[in-house]
Every structure is written in C-alpha cells, then in structure tokens.
Amino acid sequence: VDLSASTILGLDRLTATGEISGTPAYMAPEVFTGK
C-alpha cells in the first residue's frame, strides 16, 4: 500500500519545496545524497 513516495523514472525525485519523498530509515543513500 501507499505509493505516495513513488517516482516515475526520469522525473525529479524532489518535491517543489526540495523535500525528498520517503521515510529516512528506509531510504537508499543515493536518494538523499544525490550522488
């Protein structure tokens, strides 16, 4: 359930305010580092 953090491939993973969608404890490092 809950695809509110889903991303369509090729689209920006950040919201308009710079917020990253998802839950920190379960995020892959590249999601928040932008590496």
PDB file of all heavy atoms in Angstrom:
ATOM      1  N   VAL A   1       0.854  -1.184   0.000  1.00  0.00           N
ATOM      2  CA  VAL A   1       0.000   0.000   0.000  1.00  0.00           C
ATOM      3  C   VAL A   1       0.892   1.236   0.000  1.00  0.00           C
ATOM      4  O   VAL A   1       2.099   1.145   0.181  1.00  0.00           O
ATOM      5  CB  VAL A   1      -0.935   0.046   1.231  1.00  0.00           C
ATOM      6  CG1 VAL A   1      -1.901  -1.112   1.220  1.00  0.00           C
ATOM      7  CG2 VAL A   1      -0.132   0.060   2.530  1.00  0.00           C
ATOM      8  N   ASP A   2       0.277   2.395  -0.216  1.00  0.00           N
ATOM      9  CA  ASP A   2       0.930   3.697  -0.111  1.00  0.00           C
ATOM     10  C   ASP A   2       2.055   3.888  -1.126  1.00  0.00           C
ATOM     11  O   ASP A   2       3.214   3.560  -0.879  1.00  0.00           O
ATOM     12  CB  ASP A   2       1.474   3.942   1.294  1.00  0.00           C
ATOM     13  CG  ASP A   2       1.784   5.423   1.532  1.00  0.00           C
ATOM     14  OD1 ASP A   2       1.880   6.163   0.535  1.00  0.00           O
ATOM     15  OD2 ASP A   2       1.904   5.834   2.688  1.00  0.00           O
ATOM     16  N   LEU A   3       1.683   4.439  -2.265  1.00  0.00           N
ATOM     17  CA  LEU A   3       2.666   4.813  -3.274  1.00  0.00           C
ATOM     18  C   LEU A   3       2.855   6.321  -3.318  1.00  0.00           C
ATOM     19  O   LEU A   3       3.212   6.886  -4.344  1.00  0.00           O
ATOM     20  CB  LEU A   3       2.249   4.302  -4.658  1.00  0.00           C
ATOM     21  CG  LEU A   3       2.662   2.861  -4.992  1.00  0.00           C
ATOM     22  CD1 LEU A   3       1.842   1.861  -4.192  1.00  0.00           C
ATOM     23  CD2 LEU A   3       2.525   2.583  -6.480  1.00  0.00           C
ATOM     24  N   SER A   4       2.630   7.003  -2.183  1.00  0.00           N
ATOM     25  CA  SER A   4       2.731   8.467  -2.176  1.00  0.00           C
ATOM     26  C   SER A   4       4.153   8.952  -2.393  1.00  0.00           C
ATOM     27  O   SER A   4       4.382  10.102  -2.759  1.00  0.00           O
ATOM     28  CB  SER A   4       2.183   9.036  -0.861  1.00  0.00           C
ATOM     29  OG  SER A   4       2.914   8.565   0.255  1.00  0.00           O
ATOM     30  N   ALA A   5       5.140   8.085  -2.146  1.00  0.00           N
ATOM     31  CA  ALA A   5       6.533   8.464  -2.397  1.00  0.00           C
ATOM     32  C   ALA A   5       7.026   7.919  -3.730  1.00  0.00           C
ATOM     33  O   ALA A   5       8.203   8.007  -4.034  1.00  0.00           O
ATOM     34  CB  ALA A   5       7.431   7.949  -1.274  1.00  0.00           C
ATOM     35  N   SER A   6       6.102   7.361  -4.524  1.00  0.00           N
ATOM     36  CA  SER A   6       6.511   6.737  -5.781  1.00  0.00           C
ATOM     37  C   SER A   6       7.093   7.774  -6.741  1.00  0.00           C
ATOM     38  O   SER A   6       6.764   8.947  -6.701  1.00  0.00           O
ATOM     39  CB  SER A   6       5.326   6.026  -6.441  1.00  0.00           C
ATOM     40  OG  SER A   6       4.310   6.954  -6.768  1.00  0.00           O
ATOM     41  N   THR A   7       7.962   7.292  -7.600  1.00  0.00           N
ATOM     42  CA  THR A   7       8.636   8.139  -8.574  1.00  0.00           C
ATOM     43  C   THR A   7       8.492   7.512  -9.947  1.00  0.00           C
ATOM     44  O   THR A   7       8.681   6.305 -10.102  1.00  0.00           O
ATOM     45  CB  THR A   7      10.138   8.274  -8.238  1.00  0.00           C
ATOM     46  OG1 THR A   7      10.271   8.848  -6.936  1.00  0.00           O
ATOM     47  CG2 THR A   7      10.851   9.146  -9.253  1.00  0.00           C
ATOM     48  N   ILE A   8       8.140   8.315 -10.918  1.00  0.00           N
ATOM     49  CA  ILE A   8       8.142   7.847 -12.292  1.00  0.00           C
ATOM     50  C   ILE A   8       9.557   8.013 -12.824  1.00  0.00           C
ATOM     51  O   ILE A   8      10.142   9.092 -12.736  1.00  0.00           O
ATOM     52  CB  ILE A   8       7.157   8.658 -13.166  1.00  0.00           C
ATOM     53  CG1 ILE A   8       5.783   8.705 -12.490  1.00  0.00           C
ATOM     54  CG2 ILE A   8       7.063   8.054 -14.558  1.00  0.00           C
ATOM     55  CD1 ILE A   8       5.142   7.372 -12.258  1.00  0.00           C
ATOM     56  N   LEU A   9      10.126   6.952 -13.355  1.00  0.00           N
ATOM     57  CA  LEU A   9      11.505   7.023 -13.828  1.00  0.00           C
ATOM     58  C   LEU A   9      11.681   8.180 -14.802  1.00  0.00           C
ATOM     59  O   LEU A   9      10.882   8.376 -15.710  1.00  0.00           O
ATOM     60  CB  LEU A   9      11.891   5.707 -14.510  1.00  0.00           C
ATOM     61  CG  LEU A   9      12.176   4.535 -13.555  1.00  0.00           C
ATOM     62  CD1 LEU A   9      12.415   3.267 -14.348  1.00  0.00           C
ATOM     63  CD2 LEU A   9      13.362   4.828 -12.666  1.00  0.00           C
ATOM     64  N   GLY A  10      12.732   8.951 -14.581  1.00  0.00           N
ATOM     65  CA  GLY A  10      13.014  10.089 -15.434  1.00  0.00           C
ATOM     66  C   GLY A  10      12.527  11.402 -14.856  1.00  0.00           C
ATOM     67  O   GLY A  10      12.895  12.471 -15.330  1.00  0.00           O
ATOM     68  N   LEU A  11      11.696  11.351 -13.796  1.00  0.00           N
ATOM     69  CA  LEU A  11      11.214  12.586 -13.177  1.00  0.00           C
ATOM     70  C   LEU A  11      12.045  12.905 -11.951  1.00  0.00           C
ATOM     71  O   LEU A  11      12.650  12.040 -11.329  1.00  0.00           O
ATOM     72  CB  LEU A  11       9.740  12.450 -12.779  1.00  0.00           C
ATOM     73  CG  LEU A  11       8.766  12.247 -13.934  1.00  0.00           C
ATOM     74  CD1 LEU A  11       7.343  12.261 -13.381  1.00  0.00           C
ATOM     75  CD2 LEU A  11       8.917  13.325 -14.992  1.00  0.00           C
ATOM     76  N   ASP A  12      12.037  14.178 -11.558  1.00  0.00           N
ATOM     77  CA  ASP A  12      12.796  14.627 -10.390  1.00  0.00           C
ATOM     78  C   ASP A  12      12.253  13.955  -9.137  1.00  0.00           C
ATOM     79  O   ASP A  12      11.056  13.873  -8.927  1.00  0.00           O
ATOM     80  CB  ASP A  12      12.641  16.152 -10.259  1.00  0.00           C
ATOM     81  CG  ASP A  12      13.674  16.757  -9.320  1.00  0.00           C
ATOM     82  OD1 ASP A  12      14.164  16.033  -8.441  1.00  0.00           O
ATOM     83  OD2 ASP A  12      13.959  17.955  -9.480  1.00  0.00           O
ATOM     84  N   ARG A  13      13.169  13.460  -8.282  1.00  0.00           N
ATOM     85  CA  ARG A  13      12.732  12.793  -7.057  1.00  0.00           C
ATOM     86  C   ARG A  13      12.383  13.782  -5.949  1.00  0.00           C
ATOM     87  O   ARG A  13      11.906  13.391  -4.894  1.00  0.00           O
ATOM     88  CB  ARG A  13      13.808  11.837  -6.553  1.00  0.00           C
ATOM     89  CG  ARG A  13      15.091  12.513  -6.104  1.00  0.00           C
ATOM     90  CD  ARG A  13      16.114  11.470  -5.708  1.00  0.00           C
ATOM     91  NE  ARG A  13      17.374  12.043  -5.310  1.00  0.00           N
ATOM     92  CZ  ARG A  13      18.331  12.404  -6.145  1.00  0.00           C
ATOM     93  NH1 ARG A  13      18.136  12.285  -7.439  1.00  0.00           N
ATOM     94  NH2 ARG A  13      19.471  12.896  -5.710  1.00  0.00           N
ATOM     95  N   LEU A  14      12.669  15.073  -6.166  1.00  0.00           N
ATOM     96  CA  LEU A  14      12.386  16.075  -5.151  1.00  0.00           C
ATOM     97  C   LEU A  14      11.062  16.753  -5.414  1.00  0.00           C
ATOM     98  O   LEU A  14      10.636  16.913  -6.554  1.00  0.00           O
ATOM     99  CB  LEU A  14      13.479  17.150  -5.124  1.00  0.00           C
ATOM    100  CG  LEU A  14      14.906  16.680  -4.818  1.00  0.00           C
ATOM    101  CD1 LEU A  14      15.831  17.881  -4.841  1.00  0.00           C
ATOM    102  CD2 LEU A  14      14.970  15.984  -3.488  1.00  0.00           C
ATOM    103  N   THR A  15      10.379  17.176  -4.350  1.00  0.00           N
ATOM    104  CA  THR A  15       9.186  17.972  -4.495  1.00  0.00           C
ATOM    105  C   THR A  15       9.590  19.398  -4.826  1.00  0.00           C
ATOM    106  O   THR A  15      10.766  19.757  -4.814  1.00  0.00           O
ATOM    107  CB  THR A  15       8.370  17.975  -3.186  1.00  0.00           C
ATOM    108  OG1 THR A  15       9.123  18.683  -2.190  1.00  0.00           O
ATOM    109  CG2 THR A  15       8.088  16.577  -2.697  1.00  0.00           C
ATOM    110  N   ALA A  16       8.589  20.242  -5.082  1.00  0.00           N
ATOM    111  CA  ALA A  16       8.872  21.634  -5.441  1.00  0.00           C
ATOM    112  C   ALA A  16       9.551  22.389  -4.310  1.00  0.00           C
ATOM    113  O   ALA A  16      10.251  23.376  -4.530  1.00  0.00           O
ATOM    114  CB  ALA A  16       7.567  22.332  -5.832  1.00  0.00           C
ATOM    115  N   THR A  17       9.383  21.921  -3.073  1.00  0.00           N
ATOM    116  CA  THR A  17       9.981  22.600  -1.934  1.00  0.00           C
ATOM    117  C   THR A  17      11.336  22.014  -1.566  1.00  0.00           C
ATOM    118  O   THR A  17      11.950  22.420  -0.584  1.00  0.00           O
ATOM    119  CB  THR A  17       9.054  22.500  -0.706  1.00  0.00           C
ATOM    120  OG1 THR A  17       8.859  21.111  -0.398  1.00  0.00           O
ATOM    121  CG2 THR A  17       7.715  23.152  -0.975  1.00  0.00           C
ATOM    122  N   GLY A  18      11.808  21.040  -2.338  1.00  0.00           N
ATOM    123  CA  GLY A  18      13.086  20.417  -2.033  1.00  0.00           C
ATOM    124  C   GLY A  18      12.972  19.252  -1.086  1.00  0.00           C
ATOM    125  O   GLY A  18      13.957  18.632  -0.715  1.00  0.00           O
ATOM    126  N   GLU A  19      11.756  18.883  -0.700  1.00  0.00           N
ATOM    127  CA  GLU A  19      11.550  17.763   0.202  1.00  0.00           C
ATOM    128  C   GLU A  19      11.742  16.452  -0.547  1.00  0.00           C
ATOM    129  O   GLU A  19      11.330  16.301  -1.696  1.00  0.00           O
ATOM    130  CB  GLU A  19      10.124  17.814   0.764  1.00  0.00           C
ATOM    131  CG  GLU A  19       9.754  16.605   1.602  1.00  0.00           C
ATOM    132  CD  GLU A  19       8.272  16.547   1.884  1.00  0.00           C
ATOM    133  OE1 GLU A  19       7.525  17.376   1.375  1.00  0.00           O
ATOM    134  OE2 GLU A  19       7.875  15.628   2.621  1.00  0.00           O
ATOM    135  N   ILE A  20      12.401  15.493   0.086  1.00  0.00           N
ATOM    136  CA  ILE A  20      12.559  14.177  -0.504  1.00  0.00           C
ATOM    137  C   ILE A  20      11.433  13.291   0.010  1.00  0.00           C
ATOM    138  O   ILE A  20      11.181  13.212   1.208  1.00  0.00           O
ATOM    139  CB  ILE A  20      13.920  13.561  -0.133  1.00  0.00           C
ATOM    140  CG1 ILE A  20      15.057  14.444  -0.655  1.00  0.00           C
ATOM    141  CG2 ILE A  20      14.052  12.158  -0.672  1.00  0.00           C
ATOM    142  CD1 ILE A  20      16.430  13.981  -0.232  1.00  0.00           C
ATOM    143  N   SER A  21      10.727  12.625  -0.910  1.00  0.00           N
ATOM    144  CA  SER A  21       9.644  11.744  -0.523  1.00  0.00           C
ATOM    145  C   SER A  21      10.204  10.434   0.014  1.00  0.00           C
ATOM    146  O   SER A  21      11.123   9.868  -0.552  1.00  0.00           O
ATOM    147  CB  SER A  21       8.740  11.463  -1.724  1.00  0.00           C
ATOM    148  OG  SER A  21       8.159  12.654  -2.188  1.00  0.00           O
ATOM    149  N   GLY A  22       9.600   9.934   1.089  1.00  0.00           N
ATOM    150  CA  GLY A  22      10.018   8.664   1.647  1.00  0.00           C
ATOM    151  C   GLY A  22      10.266   8.768   3.139  1.00  0.00           C
ATOM    152  O   GLY A  22      10.079   9.811   3.757  1.00  0.00           O
ATOM    153  N   THR A  23      10.680   7.651   3.732  1.00  0.00           N
ATOM    154  CA  THR A  23      10.937   7.573   5.165  1.00  0.00           C
ATOM    155  C   THR A  23      12.432   7.388   5.377  1.00  0.00           C
ATOM    156  O   THR A  23      13.015   6.420   4.862  1.00  0.00           O
ATOM    157  CB  THR A  23      10.160   6.392   5.776  1.00  0.00           C
ATOM    158  OG1 THR A  23       8.774   6.507   5.425  1.00  0.00           O
ATOM    159  CG2 THR A  23      10.309   6.379   7.293  1.00  0.00           C
ATOM    160  N   PRO A  24      13.105   8.296   6.105  1.00  0.00           N
ATOM    161  CA  PRO A  24      14.574   8.272   6.192  1.00  0.00           C
ATOM    162  C   PRO A  24      15.179   6.918   6.523  1.00  0.00           C
ATOM    163  O   PRO A  24      16.159   6.509   5.888  1.00  0.00           O
ATOM    164  CB  PRO A  24      14.860   9.303   7.285  1.00  0.00           C
ATOM    165  CG  PRO A  24      13.753  10.292   7.156  1.00  0.00           C
ATOM    166  CD  PRO A  24      12.536   9.455   6.814  1.00  0.00           C
ATOM    167  N   ALA A  25      14.633   6.192   7.500  1.00  0.00           N
ATOM    168  CA  ALA A  25      15.252   4.945   7.946  1.00  0.00           C
ATOM    169  C   ALA A  25      15.285   3.869   6.866  1.00  0.00           C
ATOM    170  O   ALA A  25      16.035   2.886   6.980  1.00  0.00           O
ATOM    171  CB  ALA A  25      14.544   4.411   9.184  1.00  0.00           C
ATOM    172  N   TYR A  26      14.492   4.037   5.813  1.00  0.00           N
ATOM    173  CA  TYR A  26      14.390   3.009   4.773  1.00  0.00           C
ATOM    174  C   TYR A  26      14.898   3.509   3.417  1.00  0.00           C
ATOM    175  O   TYR A  26      14.724   2.834   2.413  1.00  0.00           O
ATOM    176  CB  TYR A  26      12.935   2.536   4.651  1.00  0.00           C
ATOM    177  CG  TYR A  26      12.399   1.990   5.948  1.00  0.00           C
ATOM    178  CD1 TYR A  26      11.788   2.829   6.879  1.00  0.00           C
ATOM    179  CD2 TYR A  26      12.538   0.644   6.288  1.00  0.00           C
ATOM    180  CE1 TYR A  26      11.322   2.344   8.097  1.00  0.00           C
ATOM    181  CE2 TYR A  26      12.070   0.146   7.492  1.00  0.00           C
ATOM    182  CZ  TYR A  26      11.464   1.005   8.393  1.00  0.00           C
ATOM    183  OH  TYR A  26      11.014   0.516   9.594  1.00  0.00           O
ATOM    184  N   MET A  27      15.523   4.678   3.400  1.00  0.00           N
ATOM    185  CA  MET A  27      15.987   5.272   2.147  1.00  0.00           C
ATOM    186  C   MET A  27      17.360   4.759   1.741  1.00  0.00           C
ATOM    187  O   MET A  27      18.266   4.659   2.561  1.00  0.00           O
ATOM    188  CB  MET A  27      16.107   6.798   2.291  1.00  0.00           C
ATOM    189  CG  MET A  27      14.818   7.553   2.220  1.00  0.00           C
ATOM    190  SD  MET A  27      15.183   9.330   2.353  1.00  0.00           S
ATOM    191  CE  MET A  27      13.517   9.984   2.333  1.00  0.00           C
ATOM    192  N   ALA A  28      17.497   4.476   0.454  1.00  0.00           N
ATOM    193  CA  ALA A  28      18.825   4.190  -0.085  1.00  0.00           C
ATOM    194  C   ALA A  28      19.655   5.467  -0.029  1.00  0.00           C
ATOM    195  O   ALA A  28      19.131   6.573  -0.202  1.00  0.00           O
ATOM    196  CB  ALA A  28      18.706   3.698  -1.521  1.00  0.00           C
ATOM    197  N   PRO A  29      20.970   5.353   0.210  1.00  0.00           N
ATOM    198  CA  PRO A  29      21.797   6.555   0.345  1.00  0.00           C
ATOM    199  C   PRO A  29      21.696   7.525  -0.827  1.00  0.00           C
ATOM    200  O   PRO A  29      21.697   8.747  -0.640  1.00  0.00           O
ATOM    201  CB  PRO A  29      23.214   5.983   0.470  1.00  0.00           C
ATOM    202  CG  PRO A  29      23.025   4.642   1.070  1.00  0.00           C
ATOM    203  CD  PRO A  29      21.739   4.123   0.484  1.00  0.00           C
ATOM    204  N   GLU A  30      21.603   7.006  -2.054  1.00  0.00           N
ATOM    205  CA  GLU A  30      21.580   7.906  -3.213  1.00  0.00           C
ATOM    206  C   GLU A  30      20.323   8.763  -3.281  1.00  0.00           C
ATOM    207  O   GLU A  30      20.297   9.783  -3.970  1.00  0.00           O
ATOM    208  CB  GLU A  30      21.756   7.115  -4.518  1.00  0.00           C
ATOM    209  CG  GLU A  30      20.653   6.132  -4.837  1.00  0.00           C
ATOM    210  CD  GLU A  30      20.942   4.728  -4.335  1.00  0.00           C
ATOM    211  OE1 GLU A  30      21.691   4.598  -3.332  1.00  0.00           O
ATOM    212  OE2 GLU A  30      20.419   3.770  -4.931  1.00  0.00           O
ATOM    213  N   VAL A  31      19.273   8.358  -2.557  1.00  0.00           N
ATOM    214  CA  VAL A  31      18.041   9.150  -2.563  1.00  0.00           C
ATOM    215  C   VAL A  31      18.275  10.500  -1.901  1.00  0.00           C
ATOM    216  O   VAL A  31      17.801  11.533  -2.378  1.00  0.00           O
ATOM    217  CB  VAL A  31      16.893   8.397  -1.855  1.00  0.00           C
ATOM    218  CG1 VAL A  31      15.663   9.288  -1.719  1.00  0.00           C
ATOM    219  CG2 VAL A  31      16.530   7.132  -2.617  1.00  0.00           C
ATOM    220  N   PHE A  32      19.027  10.520  -0.797  1.00  0.00           N
ATOM    221  CA  PHE A  32      19.201  11.784  -0.070  1.00  0.00           C
ATOM    222  C   PHE A  32      20.556  12.447  -0.311  1.00  0.00           C
ATOM    223  O   PHE A  32      20.726  13.628  -0.017  1.00  0.00           O
ATOM    224  CB  PHE A  32      18.958  11.600   1.434  1.00  0.00           C
ATOM    225  CG  PHE A  32      19.818  10.571   2.110  1.00  0.00           C
ATOM    226  CD1 PHE A  32      21.097  10.886   2.539  1.00  0.00           C
ATOM    227  CD2 PHE A  32      19.338   9.287   2.325  1.00  0.00           C
ATOM    228  CE1 PHE A  32      21.886   9.937   3.162  1.00  0.00           C
ATOM    229  CE2 PHE A  32      20.128   8.325   2.954  1.00  0.00           C
ATOM    230  CZ  PHE A  32      21.400   8.646   3.376  1.00  0.00           C
ATOM    231  N   THR A  33      21.524  11.702  -0.858  1.00  0.00           N
ATOM    232  CA  THR A  33      22.820  12.324  -1.120  1.00  0.00           C
ATOM    233  C   THR A  33      22.883  12.954  -2.507  1.00  0.00           C
ATOM    234  O   THR A  33      23.682  13.877  -2.730  1.00  0.00           O
ATOM    235  CB  THR A  33      23.965  11.298  -1.011  1.00  0.00           C
ATOM    236  OG1 THR A  33      23.798  10.295  -2.011  1.00  0.00           O
ATOM    237  CG2 THR A  33      23.992  10.665   0.379  1.00  0.00           C
ATOM    238  N   GLY A  34      22.071  12.451  -3.433  1.00  0.00           N
ATOM    239  CA  GLY A  34      22.108  12.962  -4.793  1.00  0.00           C
ATOM    240  C   GLY A  34      23.376  12.589  -5.544  1.00  0.00           C
ATOM    241  O   GLY A  34      23.698  13.182  -6.566  1.00  0.00           O
ATOM    242  N   LYS A  35      24.106  11.567  -5.049  1.00  0.00           N
ATOM    243  CA  LYS A  35      25.381  11.201  -5.668  1.00  0.00           C
ATOM    244  C   LYS A  35      25.203  10.491  -7.004  1.00  0.00           C
ATOM    245  O   LYS A  35      26.135  10.394  -7.783  1.00  0.00           O
ATOM    246  CB  LYS A  35      26.190  10.320  -4.709  1.00  0.00           C
ATOM    247  CG  LYS A  35      26.675  11.050  -3.460  1.00  0.00           C
ATOM    248  CD  LYS A  35      27.428  10.105  -2.535  1.00  0.00           C
ATOM    249  CE  LYS A  35      27.906  10.828  -1.278  1.00  0.00           C
ATOM    250  NZ  LYS A  35      28.587   9.906  -0.324  1.00  0.00           N
TER     251      LYS A  35
END
